[in-house]
Protein backbone atom coordinates (compact mmCIF):
# COMPACT_ATOMS: atom_id res chain seq x y z
CA UNK A 1 18.04 56.89 26.83
CA UNK A 2 19.52 58.14 30.07
CA UNK A 3 22.44 60.56 29.64
CA UNK A 4 25.79 59.45 31.09
CA UNK A 5 27.06 61.67 33.94
CA UNK A 6 30.72 62.25 34.44
CA UNK A 7 31.91 61.70 38.08
CA UNK A 8 32.94 65.05 39.63
CA UNK A 9 36.66 65.22 40.48
CA UNK A 10 37.93 64.12 43.93
CA UNK A 11 38.86 67.10 46.03
CA UNK A 12 39.13 67.70 49.75
CA UNK A 13 41.40 68.73 52.65
CA UNK A 14 43.54 65.68 52.65
CA UNK A 15 43.91 61.97 52.27
CA UNK A 16 44.37 58.97 54.60
CA UNK A 17 45.49 55.43 53.86
CA UNK A 18 47.24 56.39 50.65
CA UNK A 19 50.84 56.72 51.97
CA UNK A 20 50.50 60.61 51.59
CA UNK A 21 49.43 60.56 48.01
CA UNK A 22 46.48 62.52 46.72
CA UNK A 23 44.20 60.53 44.38
CA UNK A 24 42.34 61.72 41.28
CA UNK A 25 39.65 60.20 39.19
CA UNK A 26 42.44 59.45 36.64
CA UNK A 27 44.00 57.19 39.13
CA UNK A 28 40.92 55.11 39.37
CA UNK A 29 40.44 54.67 35.62
CA UNK A 30 40.00 51.10 34.63
CA UNK A 31 38.62 50.17 38.11
CA UNK A 32 35.13 50.26 39.50
CA UNK A 33 35.01 52.83 42.39
CA UNK A 34 32.55 53.12 45.18
CA UNK A 35 32.43 56.44 47.01
CA UNK A 36 31.20 55.93 50.58
CA UNK A 37 30.00 59.14 51.97
CA UNK A 38 30.09 58.63 55.76
CA UNK A 39 30.66 60.45 59.07
CA UNK A 40 32.14 58.51 61.95
CA UNK A 41 29.48 59.21 64.57
CA UNK A 42 26.81 57.52 62.29
CA UNK A 43 25.92 53.98 63.23
CA UNK A 44 24.49 53.39 59.80
CA UNK A 45 27.75 54.42 58.33
CA UNK A 46 29.59 51.91 60.43
CA UNK A 47 27.12 49.29 59.44
CA UNK A 48 28.10 50.06 55.68
CA UNK A 49 31.77 49.78 56.58
CA UNK A 50 31.02 46.28 57.71
CA UNK A 51 28.94 45.48 54.52
CA UNK A 52 31.76 46.74 52.25
CA UNK A 53 34.55 44.54 53.81
CA UNK A 54 33.45 41.32 51.91
CA UNK A 55 33.29 43.29 48.74
CA UNK A 56 36.71 44.61 49.16
CA UNK A 57 38.03 41.08 49.67
CA UNK A 58 36.04 39.49 46.77
CA UNK A 59 36.79 42.28 44.20
CA UNK A 60 40.10 43.58 45.46
CA UNK A 61 41.77 43.60 42.00
CA UNK A 62 39.07 45.46 40.19
CA UNK A 63 37.32 47.55 42.91
CA UNK A 64 38.37 50.63 44.82
CA UNK A 65 36.41 51.90 47.67
CA UNK A 66 36.99 55.63 48.68
CA UNK A 67 35.62 56.69 51.94
CA UNK A 68 34.51 60.37 51.68
CA UNK A 69 34.26 61.69 55.22
CA UNK A 70 31.62 64.48 55.24
CA UNK A 71 31.34 65.48 59.01
CA UNK A 72 28.07 66.13 61.01
CA UNK A 73 29.66 67.18 64.35
CA UNK A 74 32.30 69.83 64.92
CA UNK A 75 34.62 67.36 66.44
CA UNK A 76 34.50 65.20 63.29
CA UNK A 77 36.12 68.16 61.44
CA UNK A 78 39.38 67.68 63.33
CA UNK A 79 41.70 65.75 61.07
CA UNK A 80 43.40 63.96 64.02
CA UNK A 81 39.98 62.70 65.13
CA UNK A 82 39.29 61.56 61.61
CA UNK A 83 42.62 59.69 61.50
CA UNK A 84 41.83 58.07 64.82
CA UNK A 85 38.26 56.99 63.61
CA UNK A 86 39.74 55.34 60.52
CA UNK A 87 41.96 53.23 62.71
CA UNK A 88 39.32 52.59 65.32
CA UNK A 89 36.84 51.23 62.87
CA UNK A 90 39.27 49.19 60.66
CA UNK A 91 38.87 51.26 57.51
CA UNK A 92 41.18 49.46 55.04
CA UNK A 93 40.73 51.82 51.95
CA UNK A 94 41.62 55.27 51.04
CA UNK A 95 39.64 58.03 52.85
CA UNK A 96 39.16 61.64 51.55
CA UNK A 97 38.76 64.32 54.18
CA UNK A 98 35.63 66.30 52.90
CA UNK A 99 35.76 68.76 55.81
CA UNK A 100 33.94 71.52 53.92
CA UNK A 101 31.19 69.28 52.51
CA UNK A 102 32.37 70.08 48.84
CA UNK A 103 32.23 66.39 47.71
CA UNK A 104 28.86 65.92 49.47
CA UNK A 105 27.44 68.74 47.39
CA UNK A 106 29.00 67.72 44.13
CA UNK A 107 27.50 64.15 44.35
CA UNK A 108 24.17 65.61 45.72
CA UNK A 109 24.33 63.46 48.87
CA UNK A 110 21.32 64.01 51.34
CA UNK A 111 21.94 61.25 53.87
CA UNK A 112 24.66 59.48 55.73
CA UNK A 113 25.60 57.03 54.39
CA UNK A 114 25.39 57.50 50.65
CA UNK A 115 27.11 55.29 48.05
CA UNK A 116 27.94 56.44 44.56
CA UNK A 117 29.34 53.84 42.04
CA UNK A 118 31.71 54.98 39.33
CA UNK A 119 32.38 52.68 36.27
CA UNK A 120 35.84 52.09 34.88
CA UNK A 121 35.36 54.85 32.35
CA UNK A 122 34.65 57.53 35.04
CA UNK A 123 30.80 57.71 34.83
CA UNK A 124 28.39 57.71 37.79
CA UNK A 125 26.24 54.58 37.29
CA UNK A 126 24.48 54.23 40.69
CA UNK A 127 23.73 56.23 43.72
CA UNK A 128 22.06 54.77 46.89
CA UNK A 129 21.43 55.98 50.47
CA UNK A 130 21.39 53.90 53.71
CA UNK A 131 22.53 50.38 54.38
CA UNK A 132 21.66 46.91 53.25
CA UNK A 133 23.07 47.31 49.82
CA UNK A 134 25.67 44.51 49.69
CA UNK A 135 23.45 42.22 47.63
CA UNK A 136 22.63 44.74 45.10
CA UNK A 137 26.11 45.96 44.87
CA UNK A 138 27.40 42.40 44.24
CA UNK A 139 25.12 42.05 41.31
CA UNK A 140 25.94 45.53 39.93
CA UNK A 141 29.70 44.89 40.33
CA UNK A 142 29.33 41.61 38.46
CA UNK A 143 27.60 43.38 35.56
CA UNK A 144 30.03 46.19 35.34
CA UNK A 145 33.08 43.80 35.46
CA UNK A 146 31.60 41.63 32.66
CA UNK A 147 30.75 44.63 30.56
CA UNK A 148 33.99 46.45 30.86
CA UNK A 149 36.19 43.33 30.56
CA UNK A 150 34.46 42.65 27.37
CA UNK A 151 35.16 46.33 26.24
CA UNK A 152 38.70 46.21 27.36
CA UNK A 153 38.15 49.11 29.70
CA UNK A 154 38.80 47.02 32.95
CA UNK A 155 42.29 46.85 34.32
CA UNK A 156 43.00 44.41 37.05
CA UNK A 157 45.79 44.97 39.63
CA UNK A 158 46.50 46.45 43.14
CA UNK A 159 44.53 49.41 44.41
CA UNK A 160 45.91 52.66 46.03
CA UNK A 161 45.42 51.59 49.65
CA UNK A 162 48.39 52.03 51.90
CA UNK A 163 48.05 50.70 55.45
CA UNK A 164 49.36 52.87 58.25
CA UNK A 165 52.00 51.63 60.72
CA UNK A 166 50.75 49.47 63.44
CA UNK A 167 50.50 51.00 66.94
CA UNK A 168 52.04 49.50 70.14
CA UNK A 169 49.86 50.26 73.27
CA UNK A 170 48.31 48.02 75.91
CA UNK A 171 44.83 49.06 74.95
CA UNK A 172 43.63 50.37 71.64
CA UNK A 173 40.44 52.54 71.59
CA UNK A 174 38.92 50.95 74.80
CA UNK A 175 35.14 51.45 74.87
CA UNK A 176 33.69 50.59 78.34
CA UNK A 177 34.72 49.26 81.69
CA UNK A 178 33.25 47.56 84.64
CA UNK A 179 34.56 46.60 88.11
CA UNK A 180 34.86 42.82 88.82
CA UNK A 181 34.07 41.15 92.15
CA UNK A 182 37.90 40.86 92.91
CA UNK A 183 38.35 44.62 92.48
CA UNK A 184 40.09 44.33 89.11
CA UNK A 185 38.71 46.21 86.06
CA UNK A 186 37.34 44.59 82.93
CA UNK A 187 37.73 46.71 79.80
CA UNK A 188 36.40 46.28 76.23
CA UNK A 189 39.57 46.69 74.09
CA UNK A 190 37.39 47.52 71.08
CA UNK A 191 39.95 48.05 68.26
CA UNK A 192 41.80 44.92 69.34
CA UNK A 193 38.50 42.94 69.25
CA UNK A 194 39.02 41.48 72.93
CA UNK A 195 38.37 42.06 76.62
CA UNK A 196 41.20 42.94 79.01
CA UNK A 197 41.28 42.42 82.70
CA UNK A 198 43.42 45.08 84.40
CA UNK A 199 44.56 45.60 88.04
CA UNK A 200 42.58 47.69 90.27
CA UNK A 201 44.56 50.77 89.43
CA UNK A 202 43.87 50.38 85.72
CA UNK A 203 47.50 50.16 84.79
CA UNK A 204 48.58 46.57 84.34
CA UNK A 205 47.39 43.59 82.38
CA UNK A 206 46.07 40.57 84.24
CA UNK A 207 44.65 38.62 81.35
CA UNK A 208 43.12 38.98 77.92
CA UNK A 209 39.90 37.32 76.65
CA UNK A 210 40.02 36.95 72.82
CA UNK A 211 42.58 36.40 70.03
CA UNK A 212 42.74 40.04 69.13
CA UNK A 213 41.62 39.35 65.62
CA UNK A 214 38.11 40.31 64.35
CA UNK A 215 35.78 37.24 64.48
CA UNK A 216 32.79 35.63 66.30
CA UNK A 217 34.11 32.40 67.73
CA UNK A 218 33.10 31.05 71.03
CA UNK A 219 35.42 28.98 73.36
CA UNK A 220 38.36 29.50 75.81
CA UNK A 221 39.97 32.94 76.25
CA UNK A 222 42.72 32.22 73.80
CA UNK A 223 40.35 30.99 71.02
CA UNK A 224 37.46 33.24 71.39
CA UNK A 225 36.91 36.26 69.18
CA UNK A 226 34.83 39.47 69.01
CA UNK A 227 34.22 42.28 66.67
CA UNK A 228 34.65 45.71 68.23
CA UNK A 229 33.11 44.88 71.56
CA UNK A 230 31.62 47.72 73.73
CA UNK A 231 29.34 47.42 76.82
CA UNK A 232 29.93 45.22 79.75
CA UNK A 233 27.44 44.31 82.48
CA UNK A 234 28.38 42.32 85.50
CA UNK A 235 25.34 40.10 86.48
CA UNK A 236 24.15 39.56 90.01
CA UNK A 237 25.57 36.29 91.35
CA UNK A 238 23.50 33.22 90.42
CA UNK A 239 21.73 34.91 87.59
CA UNK A 240 23.09 32.59 84.82
CA UNK A 241 25.86 30.25 84.22
CA UNK A 242 28.17 33.05 83.01
CA UNK A 243 29.12 36.30 84.87
CA UNK A 244 29.41 39.18 82.31
CA UNK A 245 27.22 40.08 79.45
CA UNK A 246 29.30 41.66 76.53
CA UNK A 247 27.76 43.89 73.83
CA UNK A 248 29.69 42.53 70.78
CA UNK A 249 28.71 45.45 68.71
CA UNK A 250 29.86 44.80 65.15
CA UNK A 251 28.88 41.08 65.47
CA UNK A 252 25.28 42.08 66.44
CA UNK A 253 25.56 39.67 69.38
CA UNK A 254 25.44 39.46 73.14
CA UNK A 255 28.16 37.22 74.47
CA UNK A 256 28.61 35.67 77.94
CA UNK A 257 31.97 35.51 79.73
CA UNK A 258 32.75 33.11 82.50
CA UNK A 259 35.23 34.72 84.71
CA UNK A 260 36.59 31.51 86.40
CA UNK A 261 37.53 29.71 83.14
CA UNK A 262 37.65 32.51 80.71
CA UNK A 263 35.16 30.89 78.24
CA UNK A 264 33.09 33.03 76.05
CA UNK A 265 29.63 31.98 74.79
CA UNK A 266 26.95 33.53 72.49
CA UNK A 267 23.79 34.29 74.53
CA UNK A 268 21.65 36.42 72.09
CA UNK A 269 21.54 37.43 68.45
CA UNK A 270 22.03 35.73 65.21
CA UNK A 271 25.10 37.55 63.84
CA UNK A 272 23.08 39.32 61.17
CA UNK A 273 21.69 42.82 61.89
CA UNK A 274 18.06 43.47 62.64
CA UNK A 275 16.16 44.37 59.43
CA UNK A 276 12.41 44.75 60.45
CA UNK A 277 9.95 44.15 63.16
CA UNK A 278 9.95 40.35 62.31
CA UNK A 279 13.43 40.42 63.83
CA UNK A 280 12.28 41.65 67.17
CA UNK A 281 13.54 39.30 69.92
CA UNK A 282 15.80 37.60 67.45
CA UNK A 283 18.44 39.72 65.54
CA UNK A 284 20.21 42.53 67.23
CA UNK A 285 21.59 45.66 65.70
CA UNK A 286 24.92 47.10 67.03
CA UNK A 287 24.36 46.68 70.76
CA UNK A 288 26.54 49.39 72.27
CA UNK A 289 25.94 49.18 76.01
CA UNK A 290 24.29 46.81 78.60
CA UNK A 291 23.12 47.57 82.17
CA UNK A 292 21.29 45.64 84.87
CA UNK A 293 18.01 47.40 85.61
CA UNK A 294 14.60 46.24 86.96
CA UNK A 295 15.76 42.60 87.26
CA UNK A 296 16.94 42.29 83.58
CA UNK A 297 19.79 43.45 81.18
CA UNK A 298 18.79 46.63 79.22
CA UNK A 299 20.61 46.81 75.84
CA UNK A 300 21.34 50.06 74.15
CA UNK A 301 20.51 49.04 70.62
CA UNK A 302 22.30 51.81 68.85
CA UNK A 303 21.85 50.51 65.43
CA UNK A 304 17.99 50.92 65.50
CA UNK A 305 17.64 53.68 68.05
CA UNK A 306 15.98 51.46 70.75
CA UNK A 307 16.48 50.04 74.25
CA UNK A 308 15.91 46.23 74.44
CA UNK A 309 15.47 43.90 77.43
CA UNK A 310 17.47 40.70 77.76
CA UNK A 311 16.73 37.97 80.30
CA UNK A 312 19.97 35.98 81.04
CA UNK A 313 17.93 33.15 82.68
CA UNK A 314 15.78 32.36 79.55
CA UNK A 315 17.76 33.95 76.69
CA UNK A 316 14.66 35.90 75.74
CA UNK A 317 14.81 39.50 74.53
CA UNK A 318 12.54 42.17 73.13
CA UNK A 319 11.93 45.85 72.68
CA UNK A 320 11.97 48.01 75.85
CA UNK A 321 11.86 51.50 74.47
CA UNK A 322 11.86 53.13 71.10
CA UNK A 323 10.09 52.77 67.73
CA UNK A 324 13.27 52.85 65.41
CA UNK A 325 12.46 56.47 64.44
CA UNK A 326 15.72 58.42 64.90
CA UNK A 327 14.78 61.62 66.89
CA UNK A 328 14.12 62.98 70.32
CA UNK A 329 10.66 62.46 71.88
CA UNK A 330 9.79 61.65 75.49
CA UNK A 331 6.80 59.88 76.91
CA UNK A 332 5.62 56.49 78.11
CA UNK A 333 7.53 53.36 77.02
CA UNK A 334 7.88 51.93 74.39
CA UNK A 335 6.51 54.73 72.16
CA UNK A 336 9.34 57.18 72.33
CA UNK A 337 12.08 58.27 70.03
CA UNK A 338 15.81 57.89 70.53
CA UNK A 339 18.89 58.54 68.45
CA UNK A 340 21.77 55.95 68.72
CA UNK A 341 21.69 55.30 72.52
CA UNK A 342 25.28 54.39 73.40
CA UNK A 343 25.68 54.64 77.17
CA UNK A 344 23.68 53.13 80.12
CA UNK A 345 23.90 53.49 83.92
CA UNK A 346 21.29 52.14 86.50
CA UNK A 347 21.10 54.15 89.71
CA UNK A 348 18.18 53.46 92.03
CA UNK A 349 14.88 53.79 90.23
CA UNK A 350 16.44 55.56 87.32
CA UNK A 351 18.15 54.28 84.20
CA UNK A 352 20.47 56.98 82.78
CA UNK A 353 21.02 57.07 78.97
CA UNK A 354 23.69 58.76 76.80
CA UNK A 355 21.66 59.30 73.65
CA UNK A 356 24.50 60.14 71.36
CA UNK A 357 23.12 61.49 68.09
CA UNK A 358 20.72 63.96 69.80
CA UNK A 359 23.68 64.92 72.09
CA UNK A 360 21.28 64.26 75.05
CA UNK A 361 21.23 62.86 78.53
CA UNK A 362 17.93 61.13 79.21
CA UNK A 363 16.49 58.66 81.79
CA UNK A 364 13.89 56.08 82.27
CA UNK A 365 11.87 56.06 85.48
CA UNK A 366 8.43 54.33 86.21
CA UNK A 367 7.89 53.35 82.70
CA UNK A 368 8.63 56.85 81.08
CA UNK A 369 11.52 58.37 79.19
CA UNK A 370 12.46 61.88 80.05
CA UNK A 371 15.23 64.23 78.69
CA UNK A 372 17.51 66.15 81.10
CA UNK A 373 19.83 67.71 78.57
CA UNK A 374 19.49 67.85 74.77
CA UNK A 375 17.61 69.68 72.06
CA UNK A 376 17.69 67.45 68.93
CA UNK A 377 19.67 65.75 66.26
CA UNK A 378 21.38 68.88 65.00
CA UNK A 379 22.01 71.04 68.06
CA UNK A 380 25.16 70.44 70.14
CA UNK A 381 28.01 72.21 71.77
CA UNK A 382 29.79 72.69 75.15
CA UNK A 383 27.68 74.87 77.33
CA UNK A 384 27.09 74.59 81.07
CA UNK A 385 24.34 76.03 83.25
CA UNK A 386 20.60 75.26 83.41
CA UNK A 387 19.84 71.92 81.74
CA UNK A 388 17.23 73.40 79.42
CA UNK A 389 20.07 75.54 77.88
CA UNK A 390 23.09 73.39 78.37
CA UNK A 391 24.59 71.42 75.31
CA UNK A 392 26.64 68.18 74.94
CA UNK A 393 28.33 66.82 71.88
CA UNK A 394 27.84 63.13 71.03
CA UNK A 395 28.11 61.60 74.64
CA UNK A 396 28.79 57.89 74.73
CA UNK A 397 28.86 57.14 78.46
CA UNK A 398 27.12 57.86 81.76
CA UNK A 399 27.58 57.00 85.48
CA UNK A 400 24.93 57.42 88.03
CA UNK A 401 26.34 58.59 91.47
CA UNK A 402 24.99 57.79 94.97
CA UNK A 403 23.94 61.52 95.46
CA UNK A 404 21.59 61.25 92.60
CA UNK A 405 23.73 63.18 90.03
CA UNK A 406 25.21 61.67 87.03
CA UNK A 407 28.51 62.00 85.30
CA UNK A 408 28.57 62.11 81.46
CA UNK A 409 31.38 61.13 79.16
CA UNK A 410 30.86 63.99 76.71
CA UNK A 411 32.89 62.33 74.05
CA UNK A 412 33.23 64.83 71.23
CA UNK A 413 33.79 67.69 73.71
CA UNK A 414 36.57 65.72 75.36
CA UNK A 415 34.99 66.28 78.74
CA UNK A 416 33.42 64.81 81.66
CA UNK A 417 30.13 66.69 82.58
CA UNK A 418 27.93 66.47 85.58
CA UNK A 419 24.15 66.81 85.76
CA UNK A 420 22.62 67.51 89.10
CA UNK A 421 18.81 66.73 89.22
CA UNK A 422 18.46 68.67 92.50
CA UNK A 423 19.54 71.96 91.02
CA UNK A 424 18.90 71.25 87.28
CA UNK A 425 22.40 72.45 86.57
CA UNK A 426 25.14 71.09 84.25
CA UNK A 427 28.86 71.65 84.92
CA UNK A 428 32.09 70.53 83.63
CA UNK A 429 34.23 68.20 85.81
CA UNK A 430 37.19 67.74 83.46
CA UNK A 431 38.19 68.59 80.03
CA UNK A 432 41.09 68.08 77.59
CA UNK A 433 40.37 64.51 77.36
CA UNK A 434 40.62 62.43 74.11
CA UNK A 435 37.18 61.03 73.22
CA UNK A 436 36.11 59.75 76.71
CA UNK A 437 33.73 56.95 76.08
CA UNK A 438 32.66 55.72 79.57
CA UNK A 439 32.87 56.65 83.29
CA UNK A 440 33.20 54.05 86.10
CA UNK A 441 32.69 54.50 89.79
CA UNK A 442 34.38 51.70 91.88
CA UNK A 443 33.05 50.24 95.30
CA UNK A 444 35.97 52.30 97.02
CA UNK A 445 34.72 55.65 95.39
CA UNK A 446 37.42 56.01 92.72
CA UNK A 447 36.21 57.31 89.43
CA UNK A 448 37.82 56.12 86.25
CA UNK A 449 37.41 57.59 82.73
CA UNK A 450 37.79 55.46 79.69
CA UNK A 451 39.84 57.80 77.49
CA UNK A 452 39.27 55.98 74.38
CA UNK A 453 41.29 58.22 71.99
CA UNK A 454 44.36 58.09 74.47
CA UNK A 455 44.04 54.31 74.72
CA UNK A 456 43.96 54.27 78.55
CA UNK A 457 42.05 54.54 81.73
CA UNK A 458 42.55 57.70 83.81
CA UNK A 459 41.47 58.40 87.33
CA UNK A 460 39.18 61.51 87.71
CA UNK A 461 40.31 64.09 90.20
CA UNK A 462 37.52 64.59 92.77
CA UNK A 463 35.91 67.95 93.28
CA UNK A 464 37.22 69.75 90.20
CA UNK A 465 33.94 71.23 89.04
CA UNK A 466 33.78 74.45 86.89
CA UNK A 467 31.51 76.23 84.49
CA UNK A 468 32.11 76.48 80.70
CA UNK A 469 30.31 79.06 78.65
CA UNK A 470 31.44 77.22 75.55
CA UNK A 471 30.04 77.50 72.10
CA UNK A 472 26.74 76.39 70.39
CA UNK A 473 26.83 74.58 67.11
CA UNK A 474 24.42 73.32 64.58
CA UNK A 475 25.21 70.82 61.82
CA UNK A 476 26.68 72.78 58.98
CA UNK A 477 24.78 70.69 56.43
CA UNK A 478 23.53 72.30 53.29
CA UNK A 479 19.72 72.76 53.68
CA UNK A 480 17.07 72.21 51.08
CA UNK A 481 14.97 75.19 50.27
CA UNK A 482 11.25 74.32 49.98
CA UNK A 483 8.27 76.48 49.28
CA UNK A 484 5.68 77.21 52.02
CA UNK A 485 2.31 75.48 51.67
CA UNK A 486 1.96 72.25 49.59
CA UNK A 487 5.14 70.21 48.83
CA UNK A 488 5.52 66.69 47.39
CA UNK A 489 7.91 64.31 49.08
CA UNK A 490 9.07 61.49 46.77
CA UNK A 491 11.23 58.68 47.96
CA UNK A 492 12.70 57.14 44.76
CA UNK A 493 13.25 53.46 45.00
CA UNK A 494 14.64 51.09 42.30
CA UNK A 495 15.16 47.36 43.21
CA UNK A 496 18.61 46.08 42.72
CA UNK A 497 19.47 44.08 39.75
CA UNK A 498 17.72 40.67 39.92
CA UNK A 499 15.26 41.68 42.56
CA UNK A 500 11.54 42.75 42.71
CA UNK A 501 9.10 44.38 45.25
CA UNK A 502 7.95 41.73 47.61
CA UNK A 503 4.28 41.82 48.84
CA UNK A 504 4.21 38.34 50.23
CA UNK A 505 3.72 39.69 53.80
CA UNK A 506 1.72 42.87 53.02
CA UNK A 507 2.63 46.18 51.39
CA UNK A 508 6.22 46.31 50.21
CA UNK A 509 6.97 49.90 51.17
CA UNK A 510 6.63 52.11 54.24
CA UNK A 511 7.10 55.80 54.90
CA UNK A 512 7.13 57.71 58.13
CA UNK A 513 7.35 61.42 58.41
CA UNK A 514 7.72 63.87 61.17
CA UNK A 515 9.20 67.28 61.91
CA UNK A 516 11.23 69.26 64.29
CA UNK A 517 9.74 71.63 65.40
CA UNK A 518 6.46 69.76 65.06
CA UNK A 519 4.92 73.09 63.98
CA UNK A 520 6.87 72.97 60.63
CA UNK A 521 4.38 70.44 59.26
CA UNK A 522 0.74 71.47 58.97
CA UNK A 523 -0.08 68.30 57.10
CA UNK A 524 1.69 65.06 56.14
CA UNK A 525 2.93 63.67 59.48
CA UNK A 526 2.40 60.08 59.99
CA UNK A 527 2.90 56.58 58.51
CA UNK A 528 1.70 55.24 55.07
CA UNK A 529 2.66 52.53 52.58
CA UNK A 530 3.11 54.92 49.67
CA UNK A 531 6.64 56.37 49.05
CA UNK A 532 5.16 59.70 47.83
CA UNK A 533 3.51 62.06 50.41
CA UNK A 534 1.75 65.45 50.20
CA UNK A 535 3.19 67.79 52.76
CA UNK A 536 1.99 71.14 53.87
CA UNK A 537 4.83 73.38 55.30
CA UNK A 538 3.96 76.16 57.67
CA UNK A 539 4.92 79.49 56.26
CA UNK A 540 5.31 80.84 59.71
CA UNK A 541 8.13 78.46 60.48
CA UNK A 542 11.27 79.55 58.45
CA UNK A 543 13.35 76.52 58.99
CA UNK A 544 13.41 72.99 60.61
CA UNK A 545 14.12 69.42 60.18
CA UNK A 546 12.01 66.86 58.26
CA UNK A 547 12.49 63.52 59.67
CA UNK A 548 11.85 60.76 57.07
CA UNK A 549 12.09 56.96 57.41
CA UNK A 550 11.57 54.87 54.38
CA UNK A 551 11.84 51.19 53.79
CA UNK A 552 11.19 48.66 50.93
CA UNK A 553 10.96 44.97 50.92
CA UNK A 554 12.34 43.00 48.00
CA UNK A 555 12.91 39.49 46.93
CA UNK A 556 15.09 37.73 44.26
CA UNK A 557 13.29 37.51 40.97
CA UNK A 558 12.71 34.38 38.93
CA UNK A 559 14.49 31.90 41.28
CA UNK A 560 13.05 28.90 43.09
CA UNK A 561 14.11 29.81 46.63
CA UNK A 562 14.03 33.61 46.61
CA UNK A 563 15.91 35.46 49.27
CA UNK A 564 14.26 38.37 50.94
CA UNK A 565 15.88 41.88 51.47
CA UNK A 566 14.92 44.93 53.32
CA UNK A 567 16.29 48.40 52.35
CA UNK A 568 15.81 51.13 55.00
CA UNK A 569 17.02 54.68 55.38
CA UNK A 570 16.53 57.46 58.04
CA UNK A 571 16.89 61.07 56.80
CA UNK A 572 17.07 64.19 58.96
CA UNK A 573 16.68 66.78 56.19
CA UNK A 574 17.44 70.46 57.19
CA UNK A 575 14.91 72.76 55.31
CA UNK A 576 14.51 76.47 54.72
CA UNK A 577 10.92 77.50 54.05
CA UNK A 578 11.18 80.23 51.31
CA UNK A 579 8.68 81.73 48.90
CA UNK A 580 9.36 80.68 45.26
CA UNK A 581 11.52 77.57 46.30
CA UNK A 582 11.05 74.14 45.13
CA UNK A 583 7.64 72.37 45.73
CA UNK A 584 9.25 68.86 45.56
CA UNK A 585 11.72 67.04 47.72
CA UNK A 586 13.17 63.93 46.13
CA UNK A 587 15.07 61.41 48.28
CA UNK A 588 16.83 58.36 46.89
CA UNK A 589 16.36 55.06 48.93
CA UNK A 590 18.09 53.03 46.32
CA UNK A 591 18.74 54.32 42.79
CA UNK A 592 20.62 51.97 40.27
CA UNK A 593 20.25 54.27 37.38
CA UNK A 594 21.97 57.61 37.76
């Protein structure tokens, strides 16, 4: 019999969405609680927020979701930035600010996102990493509700969520902008789930496309709806029967906008997120930006760390670059690694990319991916100078300039940076901005910055280039100590209640392992179908990152028309190689027994 484990007490720097009240486990007694360990840069965490919304609605009188924000980037430690993110992403439950990662360690989290389920008596009954758990959580919640209702330990009623006051601004967390043929500016008003046409100076409203409420309805401007739209691409005249491609991010769709009539149509995607290679060319995953390059639309598929192509004439789409492994590796397309690409800009023969999770500026040219600035998933900062030494912090936007240089919306540094390929130097053009998410160069030569956190567009003053020595940072995430030499990696997977492993289309599990630096692993790199792997760690490399991607296919058990499910998680595990340390690294893909 497995011993029951008491949930550790809730402690952190502060609370949001509670009306100023601090919550304890005693306040949750009688309810089922889900702790969602997240960080607002992480696309998988944003996917989980969307997966939890239907559960909040269905089980609102018995379920309390607590977002535990355990930050990766330095900027995410800022309480004001966290409060903005909670509003930006429509988080409608209490959030605990775990700035010092205390809760992360208490609940033994190793990956963003991680979910811990606490029963009405205060015991941890499940822990699961990654996304795609809605079905399993539904079954588990049904079981817990039935059990504790029978025991008399379930208490129905309102939860502790207190919504903040509504804000009144023209834009709310705008994402991207593009210039229209008439000189006006089209902006994705992301938190208001709509598109806005502004006058050429970026100051006044011309018209709005969308109701302003989260949805996925096609139709006229006043009827259509989006869900946190981001990227915009103006098509060359005559390309299709619509004018603008819209990355409708949380809907996992590409939408088309007809400027003359204001009509919105769906042009790609199914509305459900990509889950496996079987979805290539069919289902999208958090498209974040779009750009016209090489006669097609390139899509920054942030949710699966790839670029895709989309042909507006045929509606076809497919993989352009990336393998879904979240890391930094250059080379010939498509066999490269990316990490949440979020900004695109075509300039001549180059496609510039803001690869946000590696804090990198990269480019595609002649079928190859290159890195101009960036060192990996866990190295970031604000440092100017030679590109090989310069650092960014989670950039979301790029803008290629006619002279061959590129401007970067260095989002978490609150800056606009410039990379000059001719000199190989990175400089700071402007700073003190609030989460700039895009940079736009107009036909008249004006440069606008989408200052997302300040809910506005601002004009960039020309010529104000300076050098910042800045600071270097690494993610302050507790590392795992492992012994040099032979180590066993075990990914623990338990199917959700009512599901079983599915071998209908081949092996049900897949494991991909790599390391940064590559020298960390003497043996064990590569792909297999076994969720256990023998690794050999190099004693000459004292620390590094183990990059692990695991997935498992399941189907409903003992039903006539079984539904199929795919559980997938990426880990970047910081490790210290120390004599006498552990010789086993366990990771939980999904565990329903604590």
